[in-house]
Protein backbone atom coordinates (compact mmCIF):
# COMPACT_ATOMS: atom_id res chain seq x y z
CA MET A 1 40.79 -71.74 -9.10
CA SER A 2 43.57 -69.67 -7.69
CA PHE A 3 43.21 -66.60 -5.49
CA GLU A 4 45.33 -64.40 -7.72
CA ASN A 5 44.25 -61.30 -5.89
CA THR A 6 45.41 -62.49 -2.46
CA PRO A 7 48.83 -63.59 -1.22
CA SER A 8 49.29 -67.12 -2.51
CA PHE A 9 48.00 -70.23 -0.70
CA ALA A 10 51.49 -71.66 -0.94
CA THR A 11 52.89 -68.66 0.87
CA GLY A 12 50.37 -69.21 3.62
CA LEU A 13 51.35 -72.85 3.90
CA VAL A 14 55.05 -72.11 4.13
CA ALA A 15 54.31 -69.67 6.91
CA LEU A 16 52.08 -72.16 8.69
CA LEU A 17 53.89 -75.50 8.60
CA ALA A 18 55.84 -74.64 11.67
CA VAL A 19 55.96 -77.94 13.54
CA GLY A 20 56.96 -81.56 13.04
CA GLY A 21 60.43 -80.79 11.73
CA ILE A 22 59.00 -79.18 8.60
CA ALA A 23 59.69 -75.60 9.66
CA CYS A 24 60.15 -73.58 12.80
CA GLY A 25 57.58 -71.80 14.89
CA ASP A 26 54.25 -72.64 16.47
CA PRO A 27 51.16 -73.96 14.65
CA PHE A 28 47.83 -72.21 14.81
CA THR A 29 45.17 -73.99 16.81
CA ALA A 30 41.84 -72.49 17.71
CA SER A 31 39.26 -73.31 20.30
CA PRO A 32 36.15 -74.88 18.83
CA GLY A 33 33.31 -72.42 18.78
CA THR A 34 30.44 -70.96 16.92
CA GLY A 35 32.33 -68.03 15.55
CA GLY A 36 32.64 -64.43 16.53
CA SER A 37 29.67 -63.12 18.36
CA THR A 38 28.20 -59.82 19.10
CA SER A 39 28.07 -59.01 22.76
CA THR A 40 25.03 -60.40 24.56
CA SER A 41 25.78 -59.52 28.10
CA THR A 42 24.78 -57.76 31.25
CA SER A 43 26.33 -54.89 33.08
CA THR A 44 28.86 -55.37 35.84
CA LEU A 45 28.54 -51.83 37.08
CA THR A 46 27.01 -52.17 40.54
CA GLY A 47 26.22 -49.19 42.69
CA GLY A 48 27.45 -49.26 46.25
CA GLY A 49 24.74 -46.91 47.43
CA ASN A 50 23.40 -43.50 46.62
CA ASN A 51 26.38 -41.29 45.90
CA THR A 52 24.35 -38.12 46.04
CA GLY A 53 23.22 -38.31 49.68
CA GLY A 54 24.13 -35.29 51.79
CA GLY A 55 24.47 -35.02 55.56
CA GLY A 56 21.25 -35.29 57.54
CA ASN A 57 19.42 -32.31 58.97
CA GLY A 58 20.47 -31.20 62.44
CA GLY A 59 18.10 -32.56 65.13
CA PHE A 60 17.19 -31.18 68.56
CA ALA A 61 19.91 -29.77 70.75
CA GLU A 62 20.75 -33.21 71.95
CA GLY A 63 20.56 -34.74 68.48
CA GLY A 64 23.51 -35.25 66.17
CA GLY A 65 23.56 -34.75 62.43
CA GLY A 66 22.65 -37.60 60.15
CA THR A 67 25.16 -39.57 58.04
CA GLY A 68 25.79 -39.00 54.35
CA GLY A 69 24.96 -41.52 51.64
CA GLU A 70 27.47 -44.16 50.55
CA GLY A 71 29.38 -43.46 47.34
CA GLY A 72 28.95 -45.66 44.22
CA VAL A 73 31.50 -48.37 43.42
CA THR A 74 32.54 -49.60 39.95
CA VAL A 75 33.38 -53.30 39.93
CA PRO A 76 36.05 -54.39 37.41
CA CYS A 77 34.83 -56.75 34.69
CA THR A 78 36.33 -60.21 34.13
CA VAL A 79 38.23 -60.38 30.85
CA GLY A 80 36.98 -63.19 28.65
CA ALA A 81 34.00 -64.02 30.85
CA PRO A 82 30.64 -64.57 29.14
CA GLN A 83 28.19 -61.70 29.62
CA ALA A 84 30.92 -59.56 31.16
CA CYS A 85 29.51 -56.30 29.72
CA GLU A 86 26.47 -54.78 28.11
CA PRO A 87 25.71 -55.45 24.42
CA GLY A 88 28.01 -53.33 22.27
CA GLU A 89 30.75 -53.37 24.93
CA TYR A 90 33.73 -55.56 25.73
CA CYS A 91 35.87 -56.11 28.82
CA SER A 92 39.19 -54.39 28.12
CA ALA A 93 42.23 -56.43 29.07
CA SER A 94 44.21 -53.25 29.70
CA THR A 95 41.72 -51.58 32.06
CA THR A 96 39.37 -54.44 33.19
CA ARG A 97 36.54 -51.98 32.48
CA CYS A 98 33.64 -52.35 30.08
CA THR A 99 34.46 -50.34 26.97
CA SER A 100 32.36 -49.44 23.93
CA CYS A 101 33.19 -51.55 20.87
CA ALA A 102 32.79 -48.34 18.84
CA ASP A 103 36.07 -47.16 20.34
CA LEU A 104 38.60 -48.40 17.76
CA GLY A 105 41.69 -46.76 19.21
CA ASP A 106 43.07 -50.12 20.36
CA LEU A 107 42.23 -53.29 18.41
CA ARG A 108 43.09 -56.33 20.50
CA PHE A 109 41.24 -59.62 20.31
CA GLY A 110 40.96 -62.82 22.27
CA GLU A 111 41.59 -66.38 21.13
CA PRO A 112 40.07 -67.09 17.67
CA SER A 113 37.49 -69.79 17.07
CA LEU A 114 36.35 -71.46 13.87
CA MET A 115 33.13 -69.85 12.66
CA GLY A 116 31.88 -73.29 11.65
CA ILE A 117 29.86 -72.23 8.61
CA GLN A 118 28.84 -75.23 6.51
CA SER A 119 28.56 -74.50 2.79
CA VAL A 120 29.46 -75.77 -0.63
CA GLY A 121 33.06 -75.27 -1.63
CA GLY A 122 36.18 -74.87 0.43
CA SER A 123 39.09 -72.50 0.99
CA ARG A 124 36.76 -69.82 2.38
CA ILE A 125 38.04 -66.25 2.53
CA SER A 126 36.99 -62.56 2.55
CA PRO A 127 34.32 -62.47 5.29
CA ARG A 128 32.32 -59.22 5.28
CA ALA A 129 29.23 -58.69 7.44
CA ARG A 130 26.21 -56.42 7.50
CA LEU A 131 22.90 -56.10 9.35
CA ARG A 132 19.78 -56.88 7.33
CA GLY A 133 16.56 -54.93 7.64
CA ASP A 134 15.27 -57.45 10.21
CA GLY A 135 18.35 -56.90 12.39
CA ILE A 136 19.90 -60.31 11.59
CA GLU A 137 23.62 -60.32 10.85
CA GLU A 138 24.50 -61.65 7.40
CA LEU A 139 27.97 -62.73 6.31
CA ILE A 140 29.14 -62.73 2.69
CA PHE A 141 32.35 -64.48 1.63
CA ASN A 142 34.19 -66.46 -1.10
CA ALA A 143 34.66 -70.18 -1.49
CA ASN A 144 36.14 -72.41 -4.18
CA VAL A 145 33.25 -74.39 -5.65
CA GLY A 146 34.15 -77.39 -7.82
CA GLY A 147 33.27 -76.75 -11.45
CA MET A 148 32.05 -73.25 -10.67
CA GLY A 149 35.30 -71.42 -9.96
CA THR A 150 35.42 -69.06 -7.00
CA ASP A 151 31.91 -68.09 -5.95
CA ILE A 152 30.13 -65.88 -3.44
CA ILE A 153 28.18 -67.31 -0.51
CA THR A 154 26.06 -65.81 2.28
CA ALA A 155 25.17 -67.12 5.74
CA LEU A 156 22.87 -65.79 8.46
CA ARG A 157 23.69 -65.60 12.14
CA ASN A 158 21.56 -67.53 14.62
CA ASP A 159 21.51 -67.90 18.41
CA GLY A 160 24.08 -70.70 18.34
CA GLY A 161 26.34 -69.60 15.52
CA TRP A 162 25.66 -69.51 11.78
CA ASP A 163 23.11 -71.07 9.43
CA GLN A 164 24.08 -73.10 6.39
CA GLY A 165 25.86 -70.96 3.79
CA VAL A 166 24.10 -70.65 0.42
CA LEU A 167 25.25 -69.45 -2.97
CA VAL A 168 23.96 -66.01 -3.94
CA PRO A 169 20.96 -66.81 -6.20
CA GLY A 170 20.58 -65.67 -9.78
CA ASN A 171 23.10 -65.58 -12.61
CA ALA A 172 24.41 -62.06 -12.12
CA VAL A 173 26.89 -62.74 -9.34
CA ASN A 174 28.12 -66.33 -9.59
CA THR A 175 29.37 -67.74 -12.89
CA THR A 176 31.83 -70.43 -13.95
CA GLY A 177 34.62 -67.88 -13.56
CA GLN A 178 36.06 -66.12 -10.55
CA GLU A 179 33.95 -63.88 -8.34
CA LEU A 180 35.92 -62.40 -5.47
CA ALA A 181 36.01 -59.89 -2.59
CA PRO A 182 32.27 -59.32 -2.09
CA ILE A 183 30.57 -56.74 0.08
CA GLN A 184 26.82 -56.16 0.37
CA LEU A 185 25.51 -52.81 1.45
CA PRO A 186 22.87 -52.72 4.22
CA PRO A 187 19.34 -51.39 3.78
CA GLY A 188 19.18 -47.64 3.36
CA ALA A 189 22.78 -47.24 2.13
CA THR A 190 22.82 -45.34 -1.14
CA ILE A 191 25.57 -44.52 -3.61
CA PRO A 192 25.12 -41.95 -6.40
CA SER A 193 24.67 -43.51 -9.84
CA VAL A 194 24.38 -47.06 -8.50
CA GLY A 195 20.57 -47.11 -8.38
CA LEU A 196 20.31 -50.51 -6.72
CA SER A 197 18.85 -51.48 -3.36
CA GLU A 198 21.24 -53.45 -1.13
CA PRO A 199 23.70 -54.09 -3.98
CA ILE A 200 26.44 -56.71 -3.87
CA LEU A 201 29.73 -55.17 -5.01
CA PHE A 202 32.35 -57.69 -6.11
CA THR A 203 35.30 -58.46 -8.34
CA GLY A 204 34.75 -60.42 -11.54
CA MET A 205 36.51 -61.04 -14.84
CA ALA A 206 36.00 -59.39 -18.21
CA SER A 207 38.24 -59.91 -21.24
CA GLY A 208 41.04 -61.17 -19.02
CA ARG A 209 40.83 -58.17 -16.67
CA ARG A 210 39.52 -58.00 -13.12
CA GLN A 211 36.71 -55.47 -12.84
CA ILE A 212 34.40 -54.34 -10.04
CA TYR A 213 30.73 -55.10 -10.59
CA MET A 214 27.40 -54.52 -8.90
CA ALA A 215 24.31 -56.69 -8.85
CA THR A 216 21.43 -57.60 -6.55
CA SER A 217 20.73 -60.98 -5.04
CA GLY A 218 18.54 -63.03 -7.37
CA SER A 219 19.27 -60.88 -10.41
CA ASP A 220 20.47 -62.16 -13.77
CA THR A 221 22.21 -58.92 -14.75
CA ARG A 222 25.45 -57.42 -13.50
CA ALA A 223 26.84 -53.98 -14.33
CA ASN A 224 30.15 -52.16 -13.95
CA LEU A 225 30.41 -50.05 -10.81
CA PRO A 226 30.34 -46.55 -12.33
CA GLY A 227 33.57 -44.59 -12.43
CA VAL A 228 35.83 -47.35 -11.12
CA ASN A 229 36.85 -49.61 -13.99
CA GLN A 230 39.27 -48.93 -16.83
CA ALA A 231 39.15 -51.31 -19.77
CA ALA A 232 42.95 -51.78 -19.92
CA ASP A 233 43.49 -52.02 -16.16
CA ASP A 234 42.70 -54.43 -13.34
CA SER A 235 40.43 -53.05 -10.63
CA PHE A 236 39.61 -55.30 -7.68
CA SER A 237 39.09 -55.73 -3.90
CA LEU A 238 36.74 -52.84 -3.17
CA ALA A 239 36.08 -51.25 0.23
CA VAL A 240 33.29 -48.70 0.71
CA ALA A 241 32.59 -45.96 3.26
CA TYR A 242 28.91 -45.75 2.43
CA THR A 243 27.89 -43.34 5.21
CA GLN A 244 30.29 -40.65 4.05
CA SER A 245 28.94 -37.86 1.87
CA PRO A 246 29.75 -38.52 -0.86
CA PRO A 247 30.56 -42.20 -0.33
CA ARG A 248 34.21 -43.11 -0.84
CA TYR A 249 35.89 -46.13 -2.41
CA TRP A 250 39.23 -47.79 -1.77
CA PHE A 251 40.43 -50.55 -4.08
CA MET A 252 43.39 -52.19 -5.79
CA ARG A 253 44.47 -51.06 -9.27
CA ARG A 254 46.97 -52.60 -11.68
CA THR A 255 47.74 -50.50 -14.73
CA GLY A 256 47.61 -52.44 -17.97
CA GLY A 257 47.02 -55.64 -16.08
CA ALA A 258 50.77 -56.18 -15.87
CA GLY A 259 52.22 -53.24 -13.99
CA ALA A 260 52.74 -52.67 -10.30
CA TYR A 261 49.83 -52.95 -7.90
CA ARG A 262 48.56 -49.72 -6.36
CA PHE A 263 46.13 -49.09 -3.51
CA VAL A 264 43.90 -46.17 -4.52
CA THR A 265 40.95 -44.14 -3.29
CA GLN A 266 38.29 -41.94 -4.91
CA THR A 267 34.83 -40.65 -4.11
CA ALA A 268 31.84 -42.31 -5.70
CA GLY A 269 31.35 -39.34 -8.01
CA SER A 270 34.93 -39.29 -9.28
CA THR A 271 36.66 -41.22 -12.07
CA VAL A 272 40.23 -40.41 -11.02
CA PRO A 273 41.68 -42.69 -8.32
CA VAL A 274 44.48 -41.35 -6.11
CA PRO A 275 47.23 -43.77 -4.96
CA VAL A 276 47.64 -43.96 -1.18
CA ASP A 277 49.75 -47.12 -0.76
CA ASP A 278 52.86 -45.02 -0.22
CA ARG A 279 51.22 -43.81 3.00
CA LEU A 280 50.75 -47.31 4.45
CA ILE A 281 53.43 -47.45 7.16
CA VAL A 282 53.55 -50.48 9.46
CA PRO A 283 55.19 -50.67 12.92
CA GLY A 284 58.92 -50.14 12.57
CA GLY A 285 58.51 -47.28 10.10
CA CYS A 286 58.44 -49.49 7.00
CA THR A 287 56.25 -48.72 3.98
CA VAL A 288 54.15 -51.63 2.75
CA SER A 289 55.48 -52.83 -0.59
CA LEU A 290 53.05 -53.87 -3.32
CA VAL A 291 55.81 -54.77 -5.79
CA GLN A 292 55.22 -58.50 -5.46
CA ASN A 293 51.60 -58.27 -6.55
CA THR A 294 50.28 -57.79 -3.05
CA ASP A 295 46.55 -57.35 -2.57
CA ILE A 296 46.00 -55.74 0.82
CA ALA A 297 42.28 -56.81 0.84
CA PRO A 298 41.06 -53.49 2.28
CA TRP A 299 38.02 -53.11 4.54
CA VAL A 300 36.87 -49.78 5.99
CA THR A 301 34.40 -48.82 8.68
CA PRO A 302 31.15 -47.46 7.17
CA ASP A 303 32.17 -43.90 8.16
CA GLY A 304 35.58 -44.27 6.51
CA LYS A 305 37.51 -43.46 9.70
CA TYR A 306 39.47 -46.72 9.94
CA LEU A 307 41.06 -49.10 7.44
CA LEU A 308 41.83 -52.78 8.11
CA PHE A 309 44.15 -54.57 5.70
CA GLN A 310 46.47 -57.56 5.25
CA ALA A 311 50.17 -57.23 4.47
CA ASN A 312 53.56 -58.80 5.00
CA TYR A 313 56.06 -56.87 7.06
CA PRO A 314 58.65 -55.39 4.67
CA ALA A 315 62.08 -57.04 4.93
CA ALA A 316 63.58 -53.85 6.37
CA CYS A 317 61.42 -54.30 9.48
CA ASN A 318 63.01 -57.67 10.29
CA GLU A 319 59.66 -59.22 11.02
CA ASP A 320 59.63 -61.79 8.22
CA SER A 321 58.93 -64.63 10.65
CA LYS A 322 55.46 -63.24 11.26
CA GLY A 323 54.17 -63.91 7.77
CA LEU A 324 50.96 -62.26 6.58
CA ARG A 325 49.45 -60.08 9.33
CA ALA A 326 46.42 -57.84 9.82
CA PHE A 327 46.81 -54.11 10.42
CA TYR A 328 44.61 -51.07 11.05
CA VAL A 329 45.12 -47.36 10.60
CA GLN A 330 43.06 -44.21 11.04
CA LEU A 331 42.05 -42.39 7.87
CA ASN A 332 41.61 -38.73 6.97
CA GLU A 333 37.89 -38.39 6.28
CA LEU A 334 38.48 -35.62 3.72
CA ASN A 335 40.84 -37.45 1.36
CA GLY A 336 40.84 -41.09 2.49
CA GLU A 337 44.58 -41.15 3.26
CA PRO A 338 46.18 -42.74 6.35
CA THR A 339 46.86 -40.20 9.09
CA GLY A 340 49.77 -42.02 10.72
CA GLU A 341 51.51 -45.33 11.24
CA ALA A 342 49.40 -48.46 11.13
CA LYS A 343 49.23 -50.85 14.08
CA GLU A 344 49.23 -54.62 13.95
CA ILE A 345 45.96 -56.14 15.13
CA ALA A 346 46.76 -58.11 18.27
CA ILE A 347 45.20 -61.59 18.52
CA ASP A 348 45.76 -63.55 21.74
CA ASP A 349 46.85 -67.22 21.55
CA PHE A 350 47.46 -67.05 17.81
CA SER A 351 50.60 -68.41 16.19
CA ILE A 352 52.90 -65.77 14.68
CA THR A 353 53.48 -68.11 11.74
CA ALA A 354 49.79 -68.43 10.78
CA PRO A 355 48.59 -65.92 8.16
CA VAL A 356 45.80 -63.45 8.98
CA ARG A 357 43.90 -62.91 5.74
CA THR A 358 41.16 -60.48 4.68
CA PRO A 359 40.35 -58.96 8.12
CA SER A 360 37.09 -57.12 8.86
CA LEU A 361 34.92 -56.26 11.85
CA SER A 362 31.44 -57.39 12.81
CA PRO A 363 28.69 -54.76 12.43
CA ASP A 364 28.94 -53.86 16.14
CA PHE A 365 32.79 -53.79 15.98
CA CYS A 366 32.91 -56.34 18.83
CA SER A 367 34.47 -59.19 16.78
CA LEU A 368 37.23 -59.65 14.22
CA TYR A 369 36.50 -61.83 11.19
CA PHE A 370 39.33 -63.24 9.11
CA ALA A 371 40.57 -66.29 7.17
CA THR A 372 43.55 -68.52 7.93
CA GLU A 373 44.82 -72.03 7.36
CA ASP A 374 44.91 -74.84 9.91
CA MET A 375 47.69 -77.38 10.45
CA SER A 376 46.59 -79.29 7.34
CA GLY A 377 46.66 -76.20 5.16
CA VAL A 378 42.87 -75.97 4.97
CA ARG A 379 41.67 -72.36 4.76
CA ASP A 380 38.53 -71.34 6.63
CA LEU A 381 36.84 -68.47 8.43
CA TYR A 382 37.55 -67.53 12.05
CA SER A 383 36.38 -64.94 14.52
CA ALA A 384 37.89 -63.44 17.66
CA PRO A 385 36.20 -61.28 20.36
CA ARG A 386 37.45 -57.85 21.43
CA ARG A 387 39.73 -58.09 24.43
């Protein structure tokens, strides 16, 4: 099956085959690894003594005053070192100080590694993570499954990496057609009119149109996500800010199934999406163009403050050699629109010719998850730690 709703696989290959006399540029290679990890580390902040000690009391006439306490000392962390910082922190390459992963003002990541998830199917894409009720991280993603089309798979995190990926059970989610761009809400997240616990929201097909559905794992029944779909239009690639009140959606819309692509937003209680793609400005001052059927594969932080997306640099920016890249931008919490120019997500030791597809962050914001192709053109899931 083809990924119609993402930039074409062929486009990714052209951008990638950058060695061996086939094209120009550097190939993408990644260190072997178990995938992006949440921080499991210890503090490097070591006190150099009590910094509150005052001078000693005066003694007898012949006695001198005591000495004050020694001030505390902050030791710089080692960038890229295991256990460099406390859980939920990373060692910043710009400051060599432990920094909270919740600070998203500067998204820079270290060398990517293959997540190494074993599952049925291939050409994996669209990794999205959540924390289950037991605190275990769960990843949901797409894969091409022979004879089953494009299906949705989940995998659980373990101490050494990831468990075997399994197809979402039941007949509601996976069919013989295409199921794409999944996201599963964590326990306790509620959306008006949805009425499901921990729903999986995903793109499926109906009468030749892409529509956004909801279902639960193990169910045999799917339903339209209320207020989002229009019978004559394509709606696909949903992102959700589920902690906002009311929750807010961002998704792709194609009027009549044949018109131009638009990137739109609306609250969960609305039925009128508002286009915001004309506000997506990448470095160089160029507006992202959706004319060539570009799906930006949006992902937003649960509070709706930041958007991650994929896009090609517009020709006017003279960055065509970079191919498909990942960007992030801060959003206005009141209307869901970008507040300024987007920034490219920096990934160390990553070829500029390799595409960065469907980016998202781990639940603790300490790792980047994305899909790309290797030298043989095989697409798979990768992770990179905050740097």
